[in-house]
Amino acid sequence: MEVSFTFCLGKTKTATGTELVMWWIGFLISLSLSMFLMAKAAERLPLGTVYPVWTGIGAVGAVLVGIIFFSEPASFLRILFITTLILSIIGLKIVS
């Protein structure tokens, strides 16, 4: 859901009329479900783990959506820093 609302938000930049409204509705539904699912995860897991994983998924997902669907650059440094972020999230989970 985190990546879905990022995709919908990106699509609102070029949409008009009814299509724009539909992308905004998709954005709001995805955002609401993302928050709900994060809250459900926080019921069972430590918040110090849930929130970094949630934001990490959003950050990595947003970059990948941008590269795949919106023709954003896939430079070496972008990939390096996204990889570093993923490894940091995995590290947080391992030490939790």
PDB file of N, CA and C in Angstrom:
ATOM      1  N   MET A   1       0.817  -1.188   0.000  1.00  0.00           N
ATOM      2  CA  MET A   1       0.000   0.000   0.000  1.00  0.00           C
ATOM      3  C   MET A   1       0.870   1.266   0.000  1.00  0.00           C
ATOM      4  N   GLU A   2       2.009   1.163   0.657  1.00  0.00           N
ATOM      5  CA  GLU A   2       2.922   2.307   0.704  1.00  0.00           C
ATOM      6  C   GLU A   2       3.391   2.671  -0.709  1.00  0.00           C
ATOM      7  N   VAL A   3       3.741   1.683  -1.479  1.00  0.00           N
ATOM      8  CA  VAL A   3       4.199   1.916  -2.846  1.00  0.00           C
ATOM      9  C   VAL A   3       3.023   2.304  -3.742  1.00  0.00           C
ATOM     10  N   SER A   4       1.861   1.743  -3.480  1.00  0.00           N
ATOM     11  CA  SER A   4       0.677   2.055  -4.273  1.00  0.00           C
ATOM     12  C   SER A   4       0.306   3.531  -4.172  1.00  0.00           C
ATOM     13  N   PHE A   5       0.347   4.093  -2.960  1.00  0.00           N
ATOM     14  CA  PHE A   5      -0.035   5.505  -2.875  1.00  0.00           C
ATOM     15  C   PHE A   5       1.018   6.404  -3.503  1.00  0.00           C
ATOM     16  N   THR A   6       2.269   5.964  -3.513  1.00  0.00           N
ATOM     17  CA  THR A   6       3.310   6.723  -4.211  1.00  0.00           C
ATOM     18  C   THR A   6       3.044   6.727  -5.713  1.00  0.00           C
ATOM     19  N   PHE A   7       2.683   5.573  -6.249  1.00  0.00           N
ATOM     20  CA  PHE A   7       2.378   5.463  -7.676  1.00  0.00           C
ATOM     21  C   PHE A   7       1.189   6.354  -8.036  1.00  0.00           C
ATOM     22  N   CYS A   8       0.123   6.265  -7.234  1.00  0.00           N
ATOM     23  CA  CYS A   8      -1.068   7.087  -7.501  1.00  0.00           C
ATOM     24  C   CYS A   8      -0.734   8.569  -7.460  1.00  0.00           C
ATOM     25  N   LEU A   9       0.064   8.977  -6.495  1.00  0.00           N
ATOM     26  CA  LEU A   9       0.451  10.378  -6.392  1.00  0.00           C
ATOM     27  C   LEU A   9       1.221  10.823  -7.634  1.00  0.00           C
ATOM     28  N   GLY A  10       2.111   9.965  -8.113  1.00  0.00           N
ATOM     29  CA  GLY A  10       2.858  10.276  -9.336  1.00  0.00           C
ATOM     30  C   GLY A  10       1.947  10.431 -10.547  1.00  0.00           C
ATOM     31  N   LYS A  11       0.923   9.618 -10.621  1.00  0.00           N
ATOM     32  CA  LYS A  11      -0.004   9.680 -11.759  1.00  0.00           C
ATOM     33  C   LYS A  11      -0.860  10.939 -11.744  1.00  0.00           C
ATOM     34  N   THR A  12      -1.057  11.545 -10.566  1.00  0.00           N
ATOM     35  CA  THR A  12      -1.873  12.763 -10.500  1.00  0.00           C
ATOM     36  C   THR A  12      -1.194  13.941 -11.190  1.00  0.00           C
ATOM     37  N   LYS A  13       0.110  13.850 -11.410  1.00  0.00           N
ATOM     38  CA  LYS A  13       0.833  14.962 -12.030  1.00  0.00           C
ATOM     39  C   LYS A  13       0.429  15.196 -13.482  1.00  0.00           C
ATOM     40  N   THR A  14      -0.002  14.137 -14.168  1.00  0.00           N
ATOM     41  CA  THR A  14      -0.316  14.270 -15.595  1.00  0.00           C
ATOM     42  C   THR A  14      -1.789  14.031 -15.916  1.00  0.00           C
ATOM     43  N   ALA A  15      -2.570  13.609 -14.930  1.00  0.00           N
ATOM     44  CA  ALA A  15      -3.978  13.295 -15.186  1.00  0.00           C
ATOM     45  C   ALA A  15      -4.838  14.554 -15.109  1.00  0.00           C
ATOM     46  N   THR A  16      -5.990  14.490 -15.755  1.00  0.00           N
ATOM     47  CA  THR A  16      -6.960  15.586 -15.703  1.00  0.00           C
ATOM     48  C   THR A  16      -8.358  14.998 -15.576  1.00  0.00           C
ATOM     49  N   GLY A  17      -9.290  15.817 -15.172  1.00  0.00           N
ATOM     50  CA  GLY A  17     -10.703  15.436 -15.133  1.00  0.00           C
ATOM     51  C   GLY A  17     -10.982  14.245 -14.250  1.00  0.00           C
ATOM     52  N   THR A  18     -11.810  13.340 -14.753  1.00  0.00           N
ATOM     53  CA  THR A  18     -12.219  12.153 -14.011  1.00  0.00           C
ATOM     54  C   THR A  18     -11.028  11.263 -13.673  1.00  0.00           C
ATOM     55  N   GLU A  19     -10.086  11.162 -14.587  1.00  0.00           N
ATOM     56  CA  GLU A  19      -8.897  10.346 -14.335  1.00  0.00           C
ATOM     57  C   GLU A  19      -8.137  10.885 -13.122  1.00  0.00           C
ATOM     58  N   LEU A  20      -8.009  12.187 -13.013  1.00  0.00           N
ATOM     59  CA  LEU A  20      -7.335  12.809 -11.876  1.00  0.00           C
ATOM     60  C   LEU A  20      -8.049  12.469 -10.571  1.00  0.00           C
ATOM     61  N   VAL A  21      -9.361  12.562 -10.584  1.00  0.00           N
ATOM     62  CA  VAL A  21     -10.148  12.236  -9.392  1.00  0.00           C
ATOM     63  C   VAL A  21      -9.922  10.782  -8.993  1.00  0.00           C
ATOM     64  N   MET A  22      -9.914   9.892  -9.966  1.00  0.00           N
ATOM     65  CA  MET A  22      -9.715   8.468  -9.679  1.00  0.00           C
ATOM     66  C   MET A  22      -8.339   8.210  -9.077  1.00  0.00           C
ATOM     67  N   TRP A  23      -7.306   8.871  -9.588  1.00  0.00           N
ATOM     68  CA  TRP A  23      -5.962   8.692  -9.014  1.00  0.00           C
ATOM     69  C   TRP A  23      -5.908   9.226  -7.589  1.00  0.00           C
ATOM     70  N   TRP A  24      -6.600  10.348  -7.325  1.00  0.00           N
ATOM     71  CA  TRP A  24      -6.640  10.880  -5.957  1.00  0.00           C
ATOM     72  C   TRP A  24      -7.391   9.937  -5.023  1.00  0.00           C
ATOM     73  N   ILE A  25      -8.458   9.342  -5.496  1.00  0.00           N
ATOM     74  CA  ILE A  25      -9.198   8.363  -4.690  1.00  0.00           C
ATOM     75  C   ILE A  25      -8.306   7.157  -4.394  1.00  0.00           C
ATOM     76  N   GLY A  26      -7.605   6.674  -5.413  1.00  0.00           N
ATOM     77  CA  GLY A  26      -6.668   5.567  -5.216  1.00  0.00           C
ATOM     78  C   GLY A  26      -5.589   5.920  -4.206  1.00  0.00           C
ATOM     79  N   PHE A  27      -5.096   7.158  -4.297  1.00  0.00           N
ATOM     80  CA  PHE A  27      -4.089   7.634  -3.352  1.00  0.00           C
ATOM     81  C   PHE A  27      -4.630   7.593  -1.923  1.00  0.00           C
ATOM     82  N   LEU A  28      -5.823   8.135  -1.717  1.00  0.00           N
ATOM     83  CA  LEU A  28      -6.395   8.204  -0.365  1.00  0.00           C
ATOM     84  C   LEU A  28      -6.707   6.821   0.203  1.00  0.00           C
ATOM     85  N   ILE A  29      -7.215   5.932  -0.640  1.00  0.00           N
ATOM     86  CA  ILE A  29      -7.493   4.559  -0.191  1.00  0.00           C
ATOM     87  C   ILE A  29      -6.192   3.853   0.171  1.00  0.00           C
ATOM     88  N   SER A  30      -5.185   3.964  -0.692  1.00  0.00           N
ATOM     89  CA  SER A  30      -3.896   3.316  -0.434  1.00  0.00           C
ATOM     90  C   SER A  30      -3.234   3.877   0.818  1.00  0.00           C
ATOM     91  N   LEU A  31      -3.294   5.186   0.985  1.00  0.00           N
ATOM     92  CA  LEU A  31      -2.713   5.824   2.163  1.00  0.00           C
ATOM     93  C   LEU A  31      -3.412   5.350   3.434  1.00  0.00           C
ATOM     94  N   SER A  32      -4.728   5.303   3.404  1.00  0.00           N
ATOM     95  CA  SER A  32      -5.493   4.845   4.574  1.00  0.00           C
ATOM     96  C   SER A  32      -5.171   3.398   4.919  1.00  0.00           C
ATOM     97  N   LEU A  33      -5.126   2.545   3.908  1.00  0.00           N
ATOM     98  CA  LEU A  33      -4.796   1.139   4.157  1.00  0.00           C
ATOM     99  C   LEU A  33      -3.361   0.981   4.656  1.00  0.00           C
ATOM    100  N   SER A  34      -2.456   1.782   4.135  1.00  0.00           N
ATOM    101  CA  SER A  34      -1.069   1.737   4.579  1.00  0.00           C
ATOM    102  C   SER A  34      -0.973   2.072   6.064  1.00  0.00           C
ATOM    103  N   MET A  35      -1.648   3.138   6.485  1.00  0.00           N
ATOM    104  CA  MET A  35      -1.633   3.531   7.900  1.00  0.00           C
ATOM    105  C   MET A  35      -2.289   2.464   8.781  1.00  0.00           C
ATOM    106  N   PHE A  36      -3.396   1.924   8.317  1.00  0.00           N
ATOM    107  CA  PHE A  36      -4.095   0.878   9.069  1.00  0.00           C
ATOM    108  C   PHE A  36      -3.190  -0.341   9.251  1.00  0.00           C
ATOM    109  N   LEU A  37      -2.547  -0.758   8.165  1.00  0.00           N
ATOM    110  CA  LEU A  37      -1.685  -1.942   8.250  1.00  0.00           C
ATOM    111  C   LEU A  37      -0.469  -1.687   9.132  1.00  0.00           C
ATOM    112  N   MET A  38       0.068  -0.464   9.103  1.00  0.00           N
ATOM    113  CA  MET A  38       1.180  -0.151   9.986  1.00  0.00           C
ATOM    114  C   MET A  38       0.726  -0.209  11.446  1.00  0.00           C
ATOM    115  N   ALA A  39      -0.448   0.302  11.732  1.00  0.00           N
ATOM    116  CA  ALA A  39      -0.987   0.254  13.096  1.00  0.00           C
ATOM    117  C   ALA A  39      -1.188  -1.187  13.547  1.00  0.00           C
ATOM    118  N   LYS A  40      -1.677  -2.039  12.656  1.00  0.00           N
ATOM    119  CA  LYS A  40      -1.855  -3.463  12.989  1.00  0.00           C
ATOM    120  C   LYS A  40      -0.507  -4.122  13.271  1.00  0.00           C
ATOM    121  N   ALA A  41       0.505  -3.792  12.480  1.00  0.00           N
ATOM    122  CA  ALA A  41       1.834  -4.363  12.712  1.00  0.00           C
ATOM    123  C   ALA A  41       2.396  -3.904  14.050  1.00  0.00           C
ATOM    124  N   ALA A  42       2.105  -2.652  14.424  1.00  0.00           N
ATOM    125  CA  ALA A  42       2.611  -2.096  15.684  1.00  0.00           C
ATOM    126  C   ALA A  42       1.949  -2.740  16.903  1.00  0.00           C
ATOM    127  N   GLU A  43       0.838  -3.421  16.708  1.00  0.00           N
ATOM    128  CA  GLU A  43       0.206  -4.144  17.810  1.00  0.00           C
ATOM    129  C   GLU A  43       1.038  -5.352  18.230  1.00  0.00           C
ATOM    130  N   ARG A  44       1.803  -5.901  17.314  1.00  0.00           N
ATOM    131  CA  ARG A  44       2.555  -7.132  17.584  1.00  0.00           C
ATOM    132  C   ARG A  44       4.066  -6.957  17.581  1.00  0.00           C
ATOM    133  N   LEU A  45       4.544  -5.912  16.935  1.00  0.00           N
ATOM    134  CA  LEU A  45       5.986  -5.696  16.815  1.00  0.00           C
ATOM    135  C   LEU A  45       6.363  -4.370  17.469  1.00  0.00           C
ATOM    136  N   PRO A  46       7.622  -4.224  17.870  1.00  0.00           N
ATOM    137  CA  PRO A  46       8.035  -2.947  18.457  1.00  0.00           C
ATOM    138  C   PRO A  46       7.943  -1.805  17.447  1.00  0.00           C
ATOM    139  N   LEU A  47       7.455  -0.663  17.902  1.00  0.00           N
ATOM    140  CA  LEU A  47       7.307   0.493  17.032  1.00  0.00           C
ATOM    141  C   LEU A  47       8.648   0.917  16.441  1.00  0.00           C
ATOM    142  N   GLY A  48       9.722   0.723  17.198  1.00  0.00           N
ATOM    143  CA  GLY A  48      11.065   1.052  16.712  1.00  0.00           C
ATOM    144  C   GLY A  48      11.501   0.201  15.537  1.00  0.00           C
ATOM    145  N   THR A  49      10.829  -0.907  15.318  1.00  0.00           N
ATOM    146  CA  THR A  49      11.082  -1.747  14.141  1.00  0.00           C
ATOM    147  C   THR A  49      10.057  -1.461  13.054  1.00  0.00           C
ATOM    148  N   VAL A  50       8.788  -1.352  13.454  1.00  0.00           N
ATOM    149  CA  VAL A  50       7.694  -1.165  12.486  1.00  0.00           C
ATOM    150  C   VAL A  50       7.885   0.110  11.675  1.00  0.00           C
ATOM    151  N   TYR A  51       8.121   1.219  12.341  1.00  0.00           N
ATOM    152  CA  TYR A  51       8.179   2.494  11.631  1.00  0.00           C
ATOM    153  C   TYR A  51       9.353   2.579  10.659  1.00  0.00           C
ATOM    154  N   PRO A  52      10.577   2.198  11.051  1.00  0.00           N
ATOM    155  CA  PRO A  52      11.665   2.236  10.059  1.00  0.00           C
ATOM    156  C   PRO A  52      11.425   1.318   8.860  1.00  0.00           C
ATOM    157  N   VAL A  53      10.844   0.142   9.106  1.00  0.00           N
ATOM    158  CA  VAL A  53      10.551  -0.755   7.985  1.00  0.00           C
ATOM    159  C   VAL A  53       9.496  -0.127   7.082  1.00  0.00           C
ATOM    160  N   TRP A  54       8.451   0.457   7.672  1.00  0.00           N
ATOM    161  CA  TRP A  54       7.379   1.098   6.906  1.00  0.00           C
ATOM    162  C   TRP A  54       7.920   2.248   6.067  1.00  0.00           C
ATOM    163  N   THR A  55       8.699   3.127   6.682  1.00  0.00           N
ATOM    164  CA  THR A  55       9.247   4.261   5.931  1.00  0.00           C
ATOM    165  C   THR A  55      10.282   3.797   4.914  1.00  0.00           C
ATOM    166  N   GLY A  56      11.029   2.752   5.252  1.00  0.00           N
ATOM    167  CA  GLY A  56      12.011   2.209   4.308  1.00  0.00           C
ATOM    168  C   GLY A  56      11.350   1.623   3.080  1.00  0.00           C
ATOM    169  N   ILE A  57      10.274   0.876   3.295  1.00  0.00           N
ATOM    170  CA  ILE A  57       9.529   0.331   2.157  1.00  0.00           C
ATOM    171  C   ILE A  57       9.013   1.473   1.286  1.00  0.00           C
ATOM    172  N   GLY A  58       8.516   2.513   1.931  1.00  0.00           N
ATOM    173  CA  GLY A  58       8.025   3.666   1.176  1.00  0.00           C
ATOM    174  C   GLY A  58       9.125   4.348   0.390  1.00  0.00           C
ATOM    175  N   ALA A  59      10.283   4.538   1.021  1.00  0.00           N
ATOM    176  CA  ALA A  59      11.397   5.220   0.347  1.00  0.00           C
ATOM    177  C   ALA A  59      11.929   4.391  -0.818  1.00  0.00           C
ATOM    178  N   VAL A  60      12.192   3.125  -0.560  1.00  0.00           N
ATOM    179  CA  VAL A  60      12.704   2.244  -1.618  1.00  0.00           C
ATOM    180  C   VAL A  60      11.657   2.101  -2.716  1.00  0.00           C
ATOM    181  N   GLY A  61      10.411   1.888  -2.328  1.00  0.00           N
ATOM    182  CA  GLY A  61       9.337   1.751  -3.307  1.00  0.00           C
ATOM    183  C   GLY A  61       9.158   2.989  -4.154  1.00  0.00           C
ATOM    184  N   ALA A  62       9.240   4.163  -3.523  1.00  0.00           N
ATOM    185  CA  ALA A  62       9.084   5.418  -4.274  1.00  0.00           C
ATOM    186  C   ALA A  62      10.187   5.580  -5.305  1.00  0.00           C
ATOM    187  N   VAL A  63      11.408   5.249  -4.929  1.00  0.00           N
ATOM    188  CA  VAL A  63      12.521   5.351  -5.889  1.00  0.00           C
ATOM    189  C   VAL A  63      12.330   4.360  -7.030  1.00  0.00           C
ATOM    190  N   LEU A  64      11.969   3.123  -6.699  1.00  0.00           N
ATOM    191  CA  LEU A  64      11.778   2.116  -7.749  1.00  0.00           C
ATOM    192  C   LEU A  64      10.602   2.466  -8.663  1.00  0.00           C
ATOM    193  N   VAL A  65       9.508   2.951  -8.096  1.00  0.00           N
ATOM    194  CA  VAL A  65       8.363   3.382  -8.918  1.00  0.00           C
ATOM    195  C   VAL A  65       8.795   4.517  -9.836  1.00  0.00           C
ATOM    196  N   GLY A  66       9.549   5.456  -9.298  1.00  0.00           N
ATOM    197  CA  GLY A  66      10.041   6.572 -10.119  1.00  0.00           C
ATOM    198  C   GLY A  66      10.904   6.098 -11.274  1.00  0.00           C
ATOM    199  N   ILE A  67      11.782   5.144 -11.005  1.00  0.00           N
ATOM    200  CA  ILE A  67      12.677   4.621 -12.045  1.00  0.00           C
ATOM    201  C   ILE A  67      11.891   3.817 -13.080  1.00  0.00           C
ATOM    202  N   ILE A  68      11.017   2.932 -12.604  1.00  0.00           N
ATOM    203  CA  ILE A  68      10.312   2.006 -13.512  1.00  0.00           C
ATOM    204  C   ILE A  68       9.192   2.690 -14.289  1.00  0.00           C
ATOM    205  N   PHE A  69       8.394   3.520 -13.610  1.00  0.00           N
ATOM    206  CA  PHE A  69       7.191   4.059 -14.245  1.00  0.00           C
ATOM    207  C   PHE A  69       7.280   5.519 -14.672  1.00  0.00           C
ATOM    208  N   PHE A  70       8.190   6.282 -14.067  1.00  0.00           N
ATOM    209  CA  PHE A  70       8.218   7.714 -14.345  1.00  0.00           C
ATOM    210  C   PHE A  70       9.545   8.187 -14.934  1.00  0.00           C
ATOM    211  N   SER A  71      10.333   7.254 -15.448  1.00  0.00           N
ATOM    212  CA  SER A  71      11.582   7.556 -16.172  1.00  0.00           C
ATOM    213  C   SER A  71      12.571   8.415 -15.376  1.00  0.00           C
ATOM    214  N   GLU A  72      12.608   8.216 -14.067  1.00  0.00           N
ATOM    215  CA  GLU A  72      13.600   8.916 -13.257  1.00  0.00           C
ATOM    216  C   GLU A  72      14.942   8.204 -13.414  1.00  0.00           C
ATOM    217  N   PRO A  73      16.045   8.914 -13.209  1.00  0.00           N
ATOM    218  CA  PRO A  73      17.356   8.306 -13.436  1.00  0.00           C
ATOM    219  C   PRO A  73      17.663   7.173 -12.448  1.00  0.00           C
ATOM    220  N   ALA A  74      18.355   6.161 -12.950  1.00  0.00           N
ATOM    221  CA  ALA A  74      18.803   5.031 -12.124  1.00  0.00           C
ATOM    222  C   ALA A  74      20.320   5.078 -12.037  1.00  0.00           C
ATOM    223  N   SER A  75      20.821   6.156 -11.475  1.00  0.00           N
ATOM    224  CA  SER A  75      22.269   6.340 -11.410  1.00  0.00           C
ATOM    225  C   SER A  75      22.893   5.393 -10.396  1.00  0.00           C
ATOM    226  N   PHE A  76      24.184   5.228 -10.524  1.00  0.00           N
ATOM    227  CA  PHE A  76      24.921   4.357  -9.610  1.00  0.00           C
ATOM    228  C   PHE A  76      24.719   4.800  -8.160  1.00  0.00           C
ATOM    229  N   LEU A  77      24.821   6.088  -7.893  1.00  0.00           N
ATOM    230  CA  LEU A  77      24.695   6.580  -6.521  1.00  0.00           C
ATOM    231  C   LEU A  77      23.288   6.369  -5.957  1.00  0.00           C
ATOM    232  N   ARG A  78      22.261   6.546  -6.769  1.00  0.00           N
ATOM    233  CA  ARG A  78      20.887   6.285  -6.287  1.00  0.00           C
ATOM    234  C   ARG A  78      20.724   4.827  -5.893  1.00  0.00           C
ATOM    235  N   ILE A  79      21.206   3.939  -6.741  1.00  0.00           N
ATOM    236  CA  ILE A  79      21.111   2.507  -6.439  1.00  0.00           C
ATOM    237  C   ILE A  79      21.947   2.169  -5.212  1.00  0.00           C
ATOM    238  N   LEU A  80      23.126   2.750  -5.087  1.00  0.00           N
ATOM    239  CA  LEU A  80      23.993   2.518  -3.934  1.00  0.00           C
ATOM    240  C   LEU A  80      23.293   2.931  -2.643  1.00  0.00           C
ATOM    241  N   PHE A  81      22.707   4.122  -2.625  1.00  0.00           N
ATOM    242  CA  PHE A  81      22.077   4.598  -1.400  1.00  0.00           C
ATOM    243  C   PHE A  81      20.790   3.838  -1.071  1.00  0.00           C
ATOM    244  N   ILE A  82      20.048   3.419  -2.084  1.00  0.00           N
ATOM    245  CA  ILE A  82      18.863   2.594  -1.827  1.00  0.00           C
ATOM    246  C   ILE A  82      19.299   1.248  -1.254  1.00  0.00           C
ATOM    247  N   THR A  83      20.358   0.673  -1.790  1.00  0.00           N
ATOM    248  CA  THR A  83      20.891  -0.589  -1.261  1.00  0.00           C
ATOM    249  C   THR A  83      21.329  -0.407   0.187  1.00  0.00           C
ATOM    250  N   THR A  84      21.992   0.704   0.477  1.00  0.00           N
ATOM    251  CA  THR A  84      22.412   0.991   1.851  1.00  0.00           C
ATOM    252  C   THR A  84      21.202   1.096   2.776  1.00  0.00           C
ATOM    253  N   LEU A  85      20.137   1.734   2.303  1.00  0.00           N
ATOM    254  CA  LEU A  85      18.911   1.850   3.096  1.00  0.00           C
ATOM    255  C   LEU A  85      18.312   0.476   3.383  1.00  0.00           C
ATOM    256  N   ILE A  86      18.245  -0.360   2.372  1.00  0.00           N
ATOM    257  CA  ILE A  86      17.698  -1.712   2.547  1.00  0.00           C
ATOM    258  C   ILE A  86      18.537  -2.487   3.554  1.00  0.00           C
ATOM    259  N   LEU A  87      19.854  -2.418   3.429  1.00  0.00           N
ATOM    260  CA  LEU A  87      20.721  -3.126   4.366  1.00  0.00           C
ATOM    261  C   LEU A  87      20.569  -2.588   5.786  1.00  0.00           C
ATOM    262  N   SER A  88      20.355  -1.291   5.927  1.00  0.00           N
ATOM    263  CA  SER A  88      20.147  -0.699   7.251  1.00  0.00           C
ATOM    264  C   SER A  88      18.852  -1.204   7.882  1.00  0.00           C
ATOM    265  N   ILE A  89      17.792  -1.314   7.088  1.00  0.00           N
ATOM    266  CA  ILE A  89      16.514  -1.820   7.604  1.00  0.00           C
ATOM    267  C   ILE A  89      16.668  -3.262   8.028  1.00  0.00           C
ATOM    268  N   ILE A  90      17.347  -4.058   7.213  1.00  0.00           N
ATOM    269  CA  ILE A  90      17.589  -5.460   7.578  1.00  0.00           C
ATOM    270  C   ILE A  90      18.412  -5.518   8.866  1.00  0.00           C
ATOM    271  N   GLY A  91      19.416  -4.658   8.976  1.00  0.00           N
ATOM    272  CA  GLY A  91      20.233  -4.612  10.186  1.00  0.00           C
ATOM    273  C   GLY A  91      19.415  -4.278  11.422  1.00  0.00           C
ATOM    274  N   LEU A  92      18.482  -3.321  11.306  1.00  0.00           N
ATOM    275  CA  LEU A  92      17.621  -2.985  12.437  1.00  0.00           C
ATOM    276  C   LEU A  92      16.785  -4.182  12.865  1.00  0.00           C
ATOM    277  N   LYS A  93      16.280  -4.916  11.904  1.00  0.00           N
ATOM    278  CA  LYS A  93      15.463  -6.091  12.206  1.00  0.00           C
ATOM    279  C   LYS A  93      16.315  -7.167  12.887  1.00  0.00           C
ATOM    280  N   ILE A  94      17.537  -7.350  12.431  1.00  0.00           N
ATOM    281  CA  ILE A  94      18.412  -8.379  12.994  1.00  0.00           C
ATOM    282  C   ILE A  94      18.746  -8.074  14.456  1.00  0.00           C
ATOM    283  N   VAL A  95      19.016  -6.800  14.764  1.00  0.00           N
ATOM    284  CA  VAL A  95      19.419  -6.462  16.128  1.00  0.00           C
ATOM    285  C   VAL A  95      18.237  -6.232  17.059  1.00  0.00           C
ATOM    286  N   SER A  96      17.015  -6.250  16.536  1.00  0.00           N
ATOM    287  CA  SER A  96      15.832  -6.018  17.391  1.00  0.00           C
ATOM    288  C   SER A  96      15.515  -7.247  18.226  1.00  0.00           C
TER     289      SER A  96
END
